[in-house]
Amino acid sequence: MRYPVQVYTGTIKDYPGSRPSAIAKYQREGELLLTPLGLEGDSQAEVGIHGGPDRALCHYPREHYEAWAQSFPEQAGLFAPPALGENLSTTGLTERNVHIGDIFCWGDTLIQVTQPRSPCFKLNFHFGISDFSRQTQETGRCGWLYRVVSPGKVYTDKPLELVSRVSDISVYQAAAIAWHMPFDDEQYHLLLSAAGLSASWTKTLQKRRLTGKIEDFSHRLWGKKS
């Protein structure tokens, strides 16, 4: 299957009342260079938790925006690509039919799914919804991230094409194991076995197995409490 894609990049901006972010992106057209760290012209703030080789691209399903607009009619006008800061927007690909480790051909490049996107508190500020990050996590409408297996030129008129599936774990299932279930060592082992899983998720899951505890999500979802 081939999936036409809309492409977005952005730079870091300051937001009074919140922290710097590159969530505000604009659509690109034509030929772009895709490097191991992402698209030319794209930036990430706070690179310790955003960006890097395992998080070079963010993909968000376009069809989710209609559901969000129905849930939050007062903010309905905000729910359109690339409001969640995605680089890639498609229809037909969702967390339920995309798997950890899936490899897509795009232009002259290959990209691989590494993890669900972990929503953070900045989404609450940008949408004016106090718990939007939590709802994104709980619904599993979170999108996913890629590493760049083979860098090169990409073209906004070229579709994404799935060329290899190397695990049985969907992005939705990965999110459910990580966020929705009580402690389950067997499920963590299953997710750790998914080829292509990001290093950060591998580290987090292995730490859970060693400590017997699930980490606290509150800092990521709500930010620092005063």
Protein backbone atom coordinates (compact mmCIF):
# COMPACT_ATOMS: atom_id res chain seq x y z
CA MET A 1 0.00 0.00 0.00
CA ARG A 2 1.05 3.54 -0.74
CA TYR A 3 -0.01 6.51 1.35
CA PRO A 4 0.16 10.12 0.10
CA VAL A 5 1.77 12.29 2.75
CA GLN A 6 1.72 15.93 3.78
CA VAL A 7 5.03 17.17 5.16
CA TYR A 8 5.68 19.81 7.83
CA THR A 9 8.71 21.38 9.51
CA GLY A 10 9.16 24.07 12.13
CA THR A 11 11.64 25.98 14.25
CA ILE A 12 11.83 26.63 17.97
CA LYS A 13 9.73 29.51 19.30
CA ASP A 14 9.20 31.00 22.74
CA TYR A 15 5.72 30.78 24.27
CA PRO A 16 4.95 33.05 27.24
CA GLY A 17 3.42 30.92 29.96
CA SER A 18 5.00 27.74 28.65
CA ARG A 19 8.40 26.53 27.49
CA PRO A 20 10.08 26.85 24.08
CA SER A 21 8.68 24.50 21.47
CA ALA A 22 8.84 23.69 17.76
CA ILE A 23 5.24 22.45 17.70
CA ALA A 24 4.19 25.20 15.26
CA LYS A 25 5.04 23.80 11.84
CA TYR A 26 4.24 24.75 8.26
CA GLN A 27 3.69 22.68 5.15
CA ARG A 28 6.59 22.02 2.82
CA GLU A 29 6.53 21.31 -0.89
CA GLY A 30 9.02 19.75 -3.27
CA GLU A 31 12.34 18.09 -2.54
CA LEU A 32 13.81 17.93 0.97
CA LEU A 33 16.85 16.33 2.56
CA LEU A 34 16.16 13.74 5.24
CA THR A 35 19.14 13.22 7.56
CA PRO A 36 19.58 10.77 10.46
CA LEU A 37 18.24 13.53 12.74
CA GLY A 38 15.23 14.52 10.64
CA LEU A 39 14.14 16.85 7.88
CA GLU A 40 16.15 19.85 6.85
CA GLY A 41 14.58 22.95 8.33
CA ASP A 42 13.01 21.11 11.26
CA SER A 43 13.97 21.64 14.91
CA GLN A 44 13.16 20.20 18.31
CA ALA A 45 13.26 21.98 21.64
CA GLU A 46 14.58 20.15 24.71
CA VAL A 47 16.44 17.52 22.73
CA GLY A 48 16.84 15.30 25.78
CA ILE A 49 13.19 14.29 25.39
CA HIS A 50 12.52 15.24 21.76
CA GLY A 51 14.39 14.42 18.60
CA GLY A 52 17.50 12.31 18.21
CA PRO A 53 18.14 9.34 15.91
CA ASP A 54 15.25 7.24 17.27
CA ARG A 55 12.82 10.19 17.14
CA ALA A 56 13.82 11.83 13.89
CA LEU A 57 10.27 12.13 12.50
CA CYS A 58 6.83 12.40 14.06
CA HIS A 59 3.78 10.99 12.25
CA TYR A 60 0.18 11.76 13.25
CA PRO A 61 -2.92 10.30 11.58
CA ARG A 62 -5.02 13.01 9.99
CA GLU A 63 -8.25 11.18 10.78
CA HIS A 64 -7.78 11.69 14.53
CA TYR A 65 -8.44 15.41 14.26
CA GLU A 66 -12.14 14.91 13.54
CA ALA A 67 -12.53 12.87 16.72
CA TRP A 68 -10.74 15.53 18.78
CA ALA A 69 -12.89 18.28 17.27
CA GLN A 70 -16.04 16.38 18.22
CA SER A 71 -14.76 15.93 21.78
CA PHE A 72 -13.78 19.59 22.14
CA PRO A 73 -16.12 21.70 19.97
CA GLU A 74 -14.91 24.98 21.48
CA GLN A 75 -11.40 24.23 20.20
CA ALA A 76 -12.55 22.54 16.98
CA GLY A 77 -10.83 25.13 14.83
CA LEU A 78 -7.47 24.12 16.26
CA PHE A 79 -7.73 20.49 15.26
CA ALA A 80 -6.13 20.26 11.84
CA PRO A 81 -2.65 19.23 10.68
CA PRO A 82 -0.02 19.95 11.90
CA ALA A 83 -1.48 21.05 15.23
CA LEU A 84 0.21 18.25 17.18
CA GLY A 85 3.60 19.14 15.76
CA GLU A 86 3.80 16.26 13.31
CA ASN A 87 6.20 16.09 10.40
CA LEU A 88 4.10 13.58 8.46
CA SER A 89 0.32 13.50 8.03
CA THR A 90 -1.61 10.75 6.24
CA THR A 91 -4.95 9.02 6.12
CA GLY A 92 -5.17 5.25 6.21
CA LEU A 93 -2.33 4.69 8.65
CA THR A 94 -3.16 4.61 12.37
CA GLU A 95 -1.69 3.23 15.57
CA ARG A 96 -3.74 0.06 15.03
CA ASN A 97 -2.33 -0.90 11.63
CA VAL A 98 1.21 0.42 11.97
CA HIS A 99 3.66 -1.79 13.87
CA ILE A 100 6.82 -1.18 15.83
CA GLY A 101 9.68 -1.84 13.42
CA ASP A 102 7.69 -1.21 10.24
CA ILE A 103 9.97 0.07 7.49
CA PHE A 104 8.61 2.52 4.94
CA CYS A 105 10.17 3.68 1.71
CA TRP A 106 9.80 7.41 1.11
CA GLY A 107 11.49 8.94 -1.89
CA ASP A 108 15.12 7.83 -1.80
CA THR A 109 15.00 6.99 1.93
CA LEU A 110 13.94 4.28 4.36
CA ILE A 111 12.37 5.09 7.73
CA GLN A 112 11.47 2.73 10.60
CA VAL A 113 8.82 3.04 13.32
CA THR A 114 10.48 3.07 16.75
CA GLN A 115 7.83 3.92 19.37
CA PRO A 116 4.52 5.65 20.05
CA ARG A 117 4.87 9.38 20.52
CA SER A 118 4.91 10.08 24.27
CA PRO A 119 2.58 13.08 24.74
CA CYS A 120 3.84 15.83 27.00
CA PHE A 121 2.33 18.70 28.96
CA LYS A 122 3.02 21.27 26.24
CA LEU A 123 -0.02 19.94 24.38
CA ASN A 124 -2.21 21.13 27.29
CA PHE A 125 -0.96 24.69 26.80
CA HIS A 126 -1.20 24.77 23.01
CA PHE A 127 -4.78 23.50 22.90
CA GLY A 128 -6.01 25.21 26.06
CA ILE A 129 -7.20 21.86 27.44
CA SER A 130 -5.83 21.16 30.90
CA ASP A 131 -5.49 17.39 30.49
CA PHE A 132 -5.10 16.99 26.73
CA SER A 133 -1.79 15.15 27.06
CA ARG A 134 -3.41 12.63 29.38
CA GLN A 135 -6.33 12.12 27.02
CA THR A 136 -3.97 11.66 24.09
CA GLN A 137 -2.16 8.96 26.04
CA GLU A 138 -5.29 7.22 27.33
CA THR A 139 -7.03 7.09 23.93
CA GLY A 140 -3.91 5.84 22.17
CA ARG A 141 -4.35 8.59 19.57
CA CYS A 142 -0.75 9.57 20.06
CA GLY A 143 0.98 9.06 16.72
CA TRP A 144 4.42 7.49 16.40
CA LEU A 145 8.07 8.23 15.73
CA TYR A 146 10.66 7.05 13.21
CA ARG A 147 14.37 6.55 12.87
CA VAL A 148 16.01 7.14 9.49
CA VAL A 149 17.46 3.84 8.28
CA SER A 150 18.72 5.24 4.99
CA PRO A 151 18.94 9.05 4.62
CA GLY A 152 18.64 10.92 1.37
CA LYS A 153 16.20 12.99 -0.64
CA VAL A 154 12.45 12.90 -0.05
CA TYR A 155 9.71 14.43 -2.14
CA THR A 156 6.40 15.71 -0.85
CA ASP A 157 4.59 14.26 -3.87
CA LYS A 158 5.97 10.77 -3.20
CA PRO A 159 3.92 8.43 -0.98
CA LEU A 160 4.98 6.35 1.97
CA GLU A 161 5.17 2.67 1.06
CA LEU A 162 5.38 -0.13 3.62
CA VAL A 163 8.22 -2.42 2.53
CA SER A 164 8.97 -4.55 5.63
CA ARG A 165 7.11 -5.66 8.75
CA VAL A 166 9.42 -7.11 11.37
CA SER A 167 7.23 -7.36 14.51
CA ASP A 168 3.71 -8.32 15.50
CA ILE A 169 3.33 -5.42 17.95
CA SER A 170 1.18 -2.53 16.73
CA VAL A 171 1.86 1.00 17.89
CA TYR A 172 -1.48 0.87 19.71
CA GLN A 173 -0.52 -2.34 21.50
CA ALA A 174 2.85 -0.86 22.46
CA ALA A 175 1.09 2.17 23.96
CA ALA A 176 -1.35 -0.07 25.82
CA ILE A 177 1.46 -2.16 27.30
CA ALA A 178 3.41 0.91 28.36
CA TRP A 179 0.62 3.14 29.63
CA HIS A 180 -2.70 1.36 30.09
CA MET A 181 -1.88 -1.92 31.86
CA PRO A 182 -0.80 -2.62 35.43
CA PHE A 183 2.72 -3.98 35.88
CA ASP A 184 3.10 -7.02 33.61
CA ASP A 185 6.60 -8.41 33.14
CA GLU A 186 5.46 -10.81 30.43
CA GLN A 187 4.02 -7.97 28.35
CA TYR A 188 7.17 -5.89 28.83
CA HIS A 189 9.25 -8.82 27.61
CA LEU A 190 6.94 -9.10 24.59
CA LEU A 191 7.37 -5.43 23.72
CA LEU A 192 11.13 -5.59 24.25
CA SER A 193 11.24 -8.36 21.66
CA ALA A 194 9.80 -6.04 18.98
CA ALA A 195 12.53 -5.40 16.42
CA GLY A 196 13.21 -1.71 15.97
CA LEU A 197 11.98 -0.52 19.40
CA SER A 198 13.69 2.73 20.38
CA ALA A 199 16.57 2.78 22.83
CA SER A 200 14.68 5.01 25.26
CA TRP A 201 11.69 2.70 25.42
CA THR A 202 14.00 -0.30 25.75
CA LYS A 203 15.70 1.40 28.70
CA THR A 204 12.39 2.31 30.37
CA LEU A 205 10.90 -1.17 30.03
CA GLN A 206 14.06 -2.87 31.22
CA LYS A 207 14.17 -0.56 34.24
CA ARG A 208 10.59 -1.55 35.08
CA ARG A 209 11.56 -5.22 34.95
CA LEU A 210 14.53 -4.62 37.25
CA THR A 211 12.70 -2.46 39.80
CA GLY A 212 9.24 -4.01 39.63
CA LYS A 213 7.74 -0.52 39.38
CA ILE A 214 6.09 1.66 36.72
CA GLU A 215 7.62 5.12 36.46
CA ASP A 216 5.59 8.23 37.32
CA PHE A 217 4.03 9.84 34.21
CA SER A 218 3.00 13.06 35.96
CA HIS A 219 6.04 15.18 35.08
CA ARG A 220 5.70 14.38 31.38
CA LEU A 221 1.92 14.86 31.29
CA TRP A 222 1.58 17.86 33.59
CA GLY A 223 5.00 19.52 33.82
CA LYS A 224 6.59 20.76 37.01
CA LYS A 225 4.21 21.52 39.81
CA SER A 226 4.77 24.78 41.62
